[in-house]
PDB file of N, CA and C in Angstrom:
ATOM      1  N   MET A   1      -4.274 -11.872  -6.881  1.00  0.00           N
ATOM      2  CA  MET A   1      -4.490 -10.712  -6.051  1.00  0.00           C
ATOM      3  C   MET A   1      -5.994 -10.499  -5.859  1.00  0.00           C
ATOM      4  N   VAL A   2      -6.386 -10.118  -4.638  1.00  0.00           N
ATOM      5  CA  VAL A   2      -7.776  -9.781  -4.347  1.00  0.00           C
ATOM      6  C   VAL A   2      -7.954  -8.299  -4.699  1.00  0.00           C
ATOM      7  N   PRO A   3      -8.671  -7.997  -5.785  1.00  0.00           N
ATOM      8  CA  PRO A   3      -8.754  -6.620  -6.277  1.00  0.00           C
ATOM      9  C   PRO A   3      -9.244  -5.600  -5.252  1.00  0.00           C
ATOM     10  N   ALA A   4     -10.229  -5.945  -4.465  1.00  0.00           N
ATOM     11  CA  ALA A   4     -10.792  -4.985  -3.510  1.00  0.00           C
ATOM     12  C   ALA A   4      -9.763  -4.545  -2.474  1.00  0.00           C
ATOM     13  N   ARG A   5      -8.783  -5.398  -2.189  1.00  0.00           N
ATOM     14  CA  ARG A   5      -7.772  -5.044  -1.193  1.00  0.00           C
ATOM     15  C   ARG A   5      -6.928  -3.861  -1.656  1.00  0.00           C
ATOM     16  N   LEU A   6      -6.691  -3.772  -2.954  1.00  0.00           N
ATOM     17  CA  LEU A   6      -5.907  -2.659  -3.475  1.00  0.00           C
ATOM     18  C   LEU A   6      -6.649  -1.343  -3.235  1.00  0.00           C
ATOM     19  N   ARG A   7      -7.938  -1.339  -3.515  1.00  0.00           N
ATOM     20  CA  ARG A   7      -8.740  -0.134  -3.285  1.00  0.00           C
ATOM     21  C   ARG A   7      -8.767   0.228  -1.801  1.00  0.00           C
ATOM     22  N   VAL A   8      -8.988  -0.768  -0.939  1.00  0.00           N
ATOM     23  CA  VAL A   8      -9.047  -0.518   0.506  1.00  0.00           C
ATOM     24  C   VAL A   8      -7.727   0.063   1.006  1.00  0.00           C
ATOM     25  N   ALA A   9      -6.613  -0.548   0.619  1.00  0.00           N
ATOM     26  CA  ALA A   9      -5.298  -0.068   1.064  1.00  0.00           C
ATOM     27  C   ALA A   9      -5.027   1.336   0.545  1.00  0.00           C
ATOM     28  N   ARG A  10      -5.416   1.593  -0.680  1.00  0.00           N
ATOM     29  CA  ARG A  10      -5.221   2.928  -1.266  1.00  0.00           C
ATOM     30  C   ARG A  10      -6.046   3.961  -0.512  1.00  0.00           C
ATOM     31  N   GLU A  11      -7.290   3.627  -0.221  1.00  0.00           N
ATOM     32  CA  GLU A  11      -8.148   4.561   0.501  1.00  0.00           C
ATOM     33  C   GLU A  11      -7.660   4.783   1.930  1.00  0.00           C
ATOM     34  N   LEU A  12      -7.161   3.723   2.581  1.00  0.00           N
ATOM     35  CA  LEU A  12      -6.609   3.876   3.922  1.00  0.00           C
ATOM     36  C   LEU A  12      -5.394   4.802   3.921  1.00  0.00           C
ATOM     37  N   ALA A  13      -4.656   4.795   2.819  1.00  0.00           N
ATOM     38  CA  ALA A  13      -3.491   5.669   2.679  1.00  0.00           C
ATOM     39  C   ALA A  13      -3.887   7.067   2.197  1.00  0.00           C
ATOM     40  N   ASN A  14      -5.189   7.253   1.966  1.00  0.00           N
ATOM     41  CA  ASN A  14      -5.709   8.541   1.516  1.00  0.00           C
ATOM     42  C   ASN A  14      -5.046   8.995   0.209  1.00  0.00           C
ATOM     43  N   MET A  15      -4.964   8.061  -0.732  1.00  0.00           N
ATOM     44  CA  MET A  15      -4.361   8.356  -2.035  1.00  0.00           C
ATOM     45  C   MET A  15      -5.392   8.153  -3.127  1.00  0.00           C
ATOM     46  N   SER A  16      -5.266   8.936  -4.189  1.00  0.00           N
ATOM     47  CA  SER A  16      -6.100   8.724  -5.371  1.00  0.00           C
ATOM     48  C   SER A  16      -5.456   7.621  -6.215  1.00  0.00           C
ATOM     49  N   GLN A  17      -6.209   7.138  -7.175  1.00  0.00           N
ATOM     50  CA  GLN A  17      -5.653   6.136  -8.089  1.00  0.00           C
ATOM     51  C   GLN A  17      -4.456   6.704  -8.833  1.00  0.00           C
ATOM     52  N   GLU A  18      -4.555   7.938  -9.250  1.00  0.00           N
ATOM     53  CA  GLU A  18      -3.467   8.578  -9.980  1.00  0.00           C
ATOM     54  C   GLU A  18      -2.221   8.719  -9.104  1.00  0.00           C
ATOM     55  N   GLU A  19      -2.412   9.105  -7.848  1.00  0.00           N
ATOM     56  CA  GLU A  19      -1.272   9.267  -6.937  1.00  0.00           C
ATOM     57  C   GLU A  19      -0.559   7.940  -6.703  1.00  0.00           C
ATOM     58  N   LEU A  20      -1.340   6.889  -6.488  1.00  0.00           N
ATOM     59  CA  LEU A  20      -0.725   5.580  -6.274  1.00  0.00           C
ATOM     60  C   LEU A  20       0.001   5.119  -7.527  1.00  0.00           C
ATOM     61  N   ALA A  21      -0.631   5.281  -8.654  1.00  0.00           N
ATOM     62  CA  ALA A  21      -0.003   4.866  -9.919  1.00  0.00           C
ATOM     63  C   ALA A  21       1.337   5.562 -10.102  1.00  0.00           C
ATOM     64  N   THR A  22       1.360   6.870  -9.908  1.00  0.00           N
ATOM     65  CA  THR A  22       2.589   7.636 -10.079  1.00  0.00           C
ATOM     66  C   THR A  22       3.650   7.194  -9.073  1.00  0.00           C
ATOM     67  N   ALA A  23       3.272   7.044  -7.812  1.00  0.00           N
ATOM     68  CA  ALA A  23       4.221   6.653  -6.768  1.00  0.00           C
ATOM     69  C   ALA A  23       4.788   5.256  -7.000  1.00  0.00           C
ATOM     70  N   ALA A  24       4.009   4.395  -7.646  1.00  0.00           N
ATOM     71  CA  ALA A  24       4.455   3.024  -7.902  1.00  0.00           C
ATOM     72  C   ALA A  24       5.174   2.888  -9.242  1.00  0.00           C
ATOM     73  N   GLY A  25       5.263   3.988  -9.977  1.00  0.00           N
ATOM     74  CA  GLY A  25       5.998   3.948 -11.236  1.00  0.00           C
ATOM     75  C   GLY A  25       5.177   3.564 -12.449  1.00  0.00           C
ATOM     76  N   VAL A  26       3.863   3.649 -12.337  1.00  0.00           N
ATOM     77  CA  VAL A  26       2.997   3.370 -13.482  1.00  0.00           C
ATOM     78  C   VAL A  26       2.922   4.633 -14.326  1.00  0.00           C
ATOM     79  N   SER A  27       2.916   4.483 -15.619  1.00  0.00           N
ATOM     80  CA  SER A  27       2.877   5.601 -16.542  1.00  0.00           C
ATOM     81  C   SER A  27       1.726   6.558 -16.209  1.00  0.00           C
ATOM     82  N   GLU A  28       2.024   7.857 -16.198  1.00  0.00           N
ATOM     83  CA  GLU A  28       0.996   8.859 -15.912  1.00  0.00           C
ATOM     84  C   GLU A  28      -0.139   8.815 -16.933  1.00  0.00           C
ATOM     85  N   GLU A  29       0.187   8.533 -18.171  1.00  0.00           N
ATOM     86  CA  GLU A  29      -0.808   8.527 -19.235  1.00  0.00           C
ATOM     87  C   GLU A  29      -1.842   7.413 -19.042  1.00  0.00           C
ATOM     88  N   THR A  30      -1.422   6.299 -18.471  1.00  0.00           N
ATOM     89  CA  THR A  30      -2.323   5.155 -18.319  1.00  0.00           C
ATOM     90  C   THR A  30      -2.624   4.828 -16.865  1.00  0.00           C
ATOM     91  N   GLY A  31      -2.088   5.610 -15.947  1.00  0.00           N
ATOM     92  CA  GLY A  31      -2.194   5.294 -14.522  1.00  0.00           C
ATOM     93  C   GLY A  31      -3.602   5.113 -14.016  1.00  0.00           C
ATOM     94  N   TYR A  32      -4.473   6.098 -14.270  1.00  0.00           N
ATOM     95  CA  TYR A  32      -5.839   6.013 -13.763  1.00  0.00           C
ATOM     96  C   TYR A  32      -6.553   4.791 -14.331  1.00  0.00           C
ATOM     97  N   SER A  33      -6.437   4.596 -15.629  1.00  0.00           N
ATOM     98  CA  SER A  33      -7.113   3.473 -16.286  1.00  0.00           C
ATOM     99  C   SER A  33      -6.612   2.132 -15.756  1.00  0.00           C
ATOM    100  N   ARG A  34      -5.294   1.997 -15.652  1.00  0.00           N
ATOM    101  CA  ARG A  34      -4.732   0.734 -15.163  1.00  0.00           C
ATOM    102  C   ARG A  34      -5.145   0.464 -13.729  1.00  0.00           C
ATOM    103  N   MET A  35      -5.116   1.487 -12.880  1.00  0.00           N
ATOM    104  CA  MET A  35      -5.501   1.302 -11.478  1.00  0.00           C
ATOM    105  C   MET A  35      -6.969   0.892 -11.384  1.00  0.00           C
ATOM    106  N   SER A  36      -7.805   1.510 -12.178  1.00  0.00           N
ATOM    107  CA  SER A  36      -9.220   1.161 -12.192  1.00  0.00           C
ATOM    108  C   SER A  36      -9.404  -0.298 -12.589  1.00  0.00           C
ATOM    109  N   HIS A  37      -8.669  -0.740 -13.586  1.00  0.00           N
ATOM    110  CA  HIS A  37      -8.760  -2.129 -14.030  1.00  0.00           C
ATOM    111  C   HIS A  37      -8.259  -3.089 -12.954  1.00  0.00           C
ATOM    112  N   TYR A  38      -7.192  -2.735 -12.268  1.00  0.00           N
ATOM    113  CA  TYR A  38      -6.666  -3.583 -11.193  1.00  0.00           C
ATOM    114  C   TYR A  38      -7.662  -3.673 -10.042  1.00  0.00           C
ATOM    115  N   GLU A  39      -8.224  -2.540  -9.650  1.00  0.00           N
ATOM    116  CA  GLU A  39      -9.142  -2.514  -8.514  1.00  0.00           C
ATOM    117  C   GLU A  39     -10.462  -3.205  -8.821  1.00  0.00           C
ATOM    118  N   ASN A  40     -10.844  -3.260 -10.085  1.00  0.00           N
ATOM    119  CA  ASN A  40     -12.087  -3.918 -10.463  1.00  0.00           C
ATOM    120  C   ASN A  40     -11.882  -5.366 -10.897  1.00  0.00           C
ATOM    121  N   GLY A  41     -10.639  -5.811 -10.919  1.00  0.00           N
ATOM    122  CA  GLY A  41     -10.346  -7.199 -11.261  1.00  0.00           C
ATOM    123  C   GLY A  41     -10.361  -7.515 -12.742  1.00  0.00           C
ATOM    124  N   ARG A  42     -10.392  -6.495 -13.581  1.00  0.00           N
ATOM    125  CA  ARG A  42     -10.366  -6.733 -15.027  1.00  0.00           C
ATOM    126  C   ARG A  42      -8.989  -7.183 -15.498  1.00  0.00           C
ATOM    127  N   HIS A  43      -7.952  -6.668 -14.837  1.00  0.00           N
ATOM    128  CA  HIS A  43      -6.573  -7.056 -15.138  1.00  0.00           C
ATOM    129  C   HIS A  43      -5.864  -7.332 -13.818  1.00  0.00           C
ATOM    130  N   LYS A  44      -4.842  -8.158 -13.878  1.00  0.00           N
ATOM    131  CA  LYS A  44      -4.062  -8.467 -12.685  1.00  0.00           C
ATOM    132  C   LYS A  44      -2.650  -7.922 -12.845  1.00  0.00           C
ATOM    133  N   PRO A  45      -2.199  -7.156 -11.859  1.00  0.00           N
ATOM    134  CA  PRO A  45      -0.832  -6.633 -11.951  1.00  0.00           C
ATOM    135  C   PRO A  45       0.180  -7.742 -11.682  1.00  0.00           C
ATOM    136  N   LYS A  46       1.363  -7.587 -12.253  1.00  0.00           N
ATOM    137  CA  LYS A  46       2.436  -8.539 -11.985  1.00  0.00           C
ATOM    138  C   LYS A  46       2.865  -8.417 -10.530  1.00  0.00           C
ATOM    139  N   TYR A  47       3.454  -9.478 -10.021  1.00  0.00           N
ATOM    140  CA  TYR A  47       3.880  -9.518  -8.623  1.00  0.00           C
ATOM    141  C   TYR A  47       4.794  -8.347  -8.277  1.00  0.00           C
ATOM    142  N   GLU A  48       5.698  -7.994  -9.164  1.00  0.00           N
ATOM    143  CA  GLU A  48       6.634  -6.907  -8.910  1.00  0.00           C
ATOM    144  C   GLU A  48       5.898  -5.583  -8.689  1.00  0.00           C
ATOM    145  N   LEU A  49       4.833  -5.366  -9.455  1.00  0.00           N
ATOM    146  CA  LEU A  49       4.052  -4.151  -9.294  1.00  0.00           C
ATOM    147  C   LEU A  49       3.270  -4.193  -7.979  1.00  0.00           C
ATOM    148  N   VAL A  50       2.750  -5.357  -7.631  1.00  0.00           N
ATOM    149  CA  VAL A  50       2.055  -5.498  -6.343  1.00  0.00           C
ATOM    150  C   VAL A  50       3.022  -5.174  -5.205  1.00  0.00           C
ATOM    151  N   CYS A  51       4.264  -5.603  -5.326  1.00  0.00           N
ATOM    152  CA  CYS A  51       5.271  -5.291  -4.304  1.00  0.00           C
ATOM    153  C   CYS A  51       5.506  -3.789  -4.204  1.00  0.00           C
ATOM    154  N   ARG A  52       5.500  -3.098  -5.335  1.00  0.00           N
ATOM    155  CA  ARG A  52       5.649  -1.636  -5.303  1.00  0.00           C
ATOM    156  C   ARG A  52       4.433  -0.978  -4.656  1.00  0.00           C
ATOM    157  N   PHE A  53       3.239  -1.484  -4.971  1.00  0.00           N
ATOM    158  CA  PHE A  53       2.035  -0.965  -4.319  1.00  0.00           C
ATOM    159  C   PHE A  53       2.148  -1.149  -2.801  1.00  0.00           C
ATOM    160  N   ALA A  54       2.565  -2.322  -2.390  1.00  0.00           N
ATOM    161  CA  ALA A  54       2.687  -2.621  -0.957  1.00  0.00           C
ATOM    162  C   ALA A  54       3.657  -1.660  -0.285  1.00  0.00           C
ATOM    163  N   GLU A  55       4.766  -1.405  -0.937  1.00  0.00           N
ATOM    164  CA  GLU A  55       5.767  -0.496  -0.372  1.00  0.00           C
ATOM    165  C   GLU A  55       5.206   0.922  -0.242  1.00  0.00           C
ATOM    166  N   VAL A  56       4.570   1.403  -1.295  1.00  0.00           N
ATOM    167  CA  VAL A  56       4.007   2.753  -1.288  1.00  0.00           C
ATOM    168  C   VAL A  56       2.898   2.870  -0.242  1.00  0.00           C
ATOM    169  N   LEU A  57       2.068   1.841  -0.136  1.00  0.00           N
ATOM    170  CA  LEU A  57       0.913   1.876   0.765  1.00  0.00           C
ATOM    171  C   LEU A  57       1.246   1.420   2.183  1.00  0.00           C
ATOM    172  N   ASN A  58       2.478   0.967   2.376  1.00  0.00           N
ATOM    173  CA  ASN A  58       2.942   0.507   3.687  1.00  0.00           C
ATOM    174  C   ASN A  58       2.108  -0.653   4.232  1.00  0.00           C
ATOM    175  N   VAL A  59       1.910  -1.647   3.380  1.00  0.00           N
ATOM    176  CA  VAL A  59       1.222  -2.876   3.774  1.00  0.00           C
ATOM    177  C   VAL A  59       2.076  -4.053   3.319  1.00  0.00           C
ATOM    178  N   PRO A  60       1.915  -5.228   3.949  1.00  0.00           N
ATOM    179  CA  PRO A  60       2.680  -6.391   3.494  1.00  0.00           C
ATOM    180  C   PRO A  60       2.120  -6.916   2.162  1.00  0.00           C
ATOM    181  N   GLU A  61       2.979  -7.460   1.349  1.00  0.00           N
ATOM    182  CA  GLU A  61       2.546  -7.981   0.047  1.00  0.00           C
ATOM    183  C   GLU A  61       1.444  -9.024   0.197  1.00  0.00           C
ATOM    184  N   GLY A  62       1.566  -9.857   1.227  1.00  0.00           N
ATOM    185  CA  GLY A  62       0.595 -10.933   1.448  1.00  0.00           C
ATOM    186  C   GLY A  62      -0.820 -10.432   1.648  1.00  0.00           C
ATOM    187  N   TYR A  63      -0.963  -9.193   2.097  1.00  0.00           N
ATOM    188  CA  TYR A  63      -2.288  -8.612   2.302  1.00  0.00           C
ATOM    189  C   TYR A  63      -3.106  -8.652   1.013  1.00  0.00           C
ATOM    190  N   PHE A  64      -2.449  -8.465  -0.110  1.00  0.00           N
ATOM    191  CA  PHE A  64      -3.153  -8.447  -1.387  1.00  0.00           C
ATOM    192  C   PHE A  64      -3.536  -9.836  -1.886  1.00  0.00           C
ATOM    193  N   TYR A  65      -2.978 -10.869  -1.288  1.00  0.00           N
ATOM    194  CA  TYR A  65      -3.192 -12.217  -1.803  1.00  0.00           C
ATOM    195  C   TYR A  65      -4.050 -13.122  -0.931  1.00  0.00           C
ATOM    196  N   THR A  66      -4.106 -12.873   0.376  1.00  0.00           N
ATOM    197  CA  THR A  66      -4.900 -13.761   1.216  1.00  0.00           C
ATOM    198  C   THR A  66      -6.386 -13.550   0.942  1.00  0.00           C
ATOM    199  N   ARG A  67      -7.125 -14.637   0.914  1.00  0.00           N
ATOM    200  CA  ARG A  67      -8.560 -14.553   0.620  1.00  0.00           C
ATOM    201  C   ARG A  67      -9.390 -14.335   1.878  1.00  0.00           C
ATOM    202  N   ASP A  68      -8.812 -14.620   3.033  1.00  0.00           N
ATOM    203  CA  ASP A  68      -9.525 -14.512   4.304  1.00  0.00           C
ATOM    204  C   ASP A  68      -9.460 -13.061   4.808  1.00  0.00           C
ATOM    205  N   ASP A  69     -10.598 -12.406   4.895  1.00  0.00           N
ATOM    206  CA  ASP A  69     -10.627 -10.997   5.299  1.00  0.00           C
ATOM    207  C   ASP A  69     -10.108 -10.786   6.713  1.00  0.00           C
ATOM    208  N   ARG A  70     -10.436 -11.680   7.621  1.00  0.00           N
ATOM    209  CA  ARG A  70      -9.959 -11.522   8.999  1.00  0.00           C
ATOM    210  C   ARG A  70      -8.442 -11.659   9.067  1.00  0.00           C
ATOM    211  N   PHE A  71      -7.901 -12.591   8.307  1.00  0.00           N
ATOM    212  CA  PHE A  71      -6.451 -12.766   8.283  1.00  0.00           C
ATOM    213  C   PHE A  71      -5.781 -11.541   7.649  1.00  0.00           C
ATOM    214  N   ALA A  72      -6.392 -10.993   6.613  1.00  0.00           N
ATOM    215  CA  ALA A  72      -5.848  -9.792   5.964  1.00  0.00           C
ATOM    216  C   ALA A  72      -5.798  -8.637   6.961  1.00  0.00           C
ATOM    217  N   GLU A  73      -6.858  -8.474   7.736  1.00  0.00           N
ATOM    218  CA  GLU A  73      -6.884  -7.414   8.741  1.00  0.00           C
ATOM    219  C   GLU A  73      -5.816  -7.652   9.807  1.00  0.00           C
ATOM    220  N   ALA A  74      -5.664  -8.899  10.216  1.00  0.00           N
ATOM    221  CA  ALA A  74      -4.638  -9.236  11.206  1.00  0.00           C
ATOM    222  C   ALA A  74      -3.245  -8.944  10.658  1.00  0.00           C
ATOM    223  N   MET A  75      -3.034  -9.202   9.377  1.00  0.00           N
ATOM    224  CA  MET A  75      -1.744  -8.905   8.759  1.00  0.00           C
ATOM    225  C   MET A  75      -1.437  -7.416   8.831  1.00  0.00           C
ATOM    226  N   LEU A  76      -2.442  -6.589   8.563  1.00  0.00           N
ATOM    227  CA  LEU A  76      -2.230  -5.147   8.620  1.00  0.00           C
ATOM    228  C   LEU A  76      -1.870  -4.700  10.032  1.00  0.00           C
ATOM    229  N   LYS A  77      -2.559  -5.241  11.009  1.00  0.00           N
ATOM    230  CA  LYS A  77      -2.285  -4.878  12.397  1.00  0.00           C
ATOM    231  C   LYS A  77      -0.886  -5.320  12.804  1.00  0.00           C
ATOM    232  N   LEU A  78      -0.528  -6.522  12.446  1.00  0.00           N
ATOM    233  CA  LEU A  78       0.796  -7.030  12.777  1.00  0.00           C
ATOM    234  C   LEU A  78       1.872  -6.201  12.089  1.00  0.00           C
ATOM    235  N   TYR A  79       1.669  -5.902  10.844  1.00  0.00           N
ATOM    236  CA  TYR A  79       2.631  -5.116  10.072  1.00  0.00           C
ATOM    237  C   TYR A  79       2.798  -3.726  10.667  1.00  0.00           C
ATOM    238  N   ALA A  80       1.711  -3.174  11.166  1.00  0.00           N
ATOM    239  CA  ALA A  80       1.754  -1.834  11.772  1.00  0.00           C
ATOM    240  C   ALA A  80       2.307  -1.860  13.180  1.00  0.00           C
ATOM    241  N   GLY A  81       2.516  -3.054  13.729  1.00  0.00           N
ATOM    242  CA  GLY A  81       3.084  -3.168  15.068  1.00  0.00           C
ATOM    243  C   GLY A  81       2.058  -3.255  16.181  1.00  0.00           C
ATOM    244  N   GLU A  82       0.786  -3.277  15.816  1.00  0.00           N
ATOM    245  CA  GLU A  82      -0.255  -3.410  16.822  1.00  0.00           C
ATOM    246  C   GLU A  82      -0.287  -4.844  17.340  1.00  0.00           C
ATOM    247  N   ASN A  83      -0.589  -4.987  18.592  1.00  0.00           N
ATOM    248  CA  ASN A  83      -0.735  -6.299  19.239  1.00  0.00           C
ATOM    249  C   ASN A  83       0.561  -7.094  19.243  1.00  0.00           C
ATOM    250  N   VAL A  84       1.678  -6.433  19.026  1.00  0.00           N
ATOM    251  CA  VAL A  84       2.967  -7.127  19.057  1.00  0.00           C
ATOM    252  C   VAL A  84       3.662  -6.772  20.354  1.00  0.00           C
ATOM    253  N   LYS A  85       4.034  -7.771  21.122  1.00  0.00           N
ATOM    254  CA  LYS A  85       4.720  -7.525  22.371  1.00  0.00           C
ATOM    255  C   LYS A  85       6.171  -7.970  22.212  1.00  0.00           C
ATOM    256  N   TRP A  86       7.060  -7.006  22.273  1.00  0.00           N
ATOM    257  CA  TRP A  86       8.474  -7.289  22.116  1.00  0.00           C
ATOM    258  C   TRP A  86       9.088  -7.518  23.490  1.00  0.00           C
ATOM    259  N   GLU A  87       9.891  -8.524  23.592  1.00  0.00           N
ATOM    260  CA  GLU A  87      10.591  -8.775  24.840  1.00  0.00           C
ATOM    261  C   GLU A  87      11.814  -7.875  24.926  1.00  0.00           C
ATOM    262  N   GLU A  88      12.065  -7.377  26.110  1.00  0.00           N
ATOM    263  CA  GLU A  88      13.229  -6.495  26.279  1.00  0.00           C
ATOM    264  C   GLU A  88      14.394  -7.260  26.816  1.00  0.00           C
TER     265      GLU A  88
END
């Protein structure tokens, strides 16, 4: 996981570390500390937890894993429905 992406997605969702931790099912007692460690790259969350973060933050799971910033941005736009032309 690219740690900075978690912080960016959280900030785009206008959530605090504590709010995201709670919404994703991380213990309230350790939520802030764990989120700080994840966002700074000191610890890596398990894939299942990353999936919960993605669901809460409304981003695709792959956004947290791609190393290419432009591709990550494109993923967010595609996921949000921007630049998608649906045939009728």
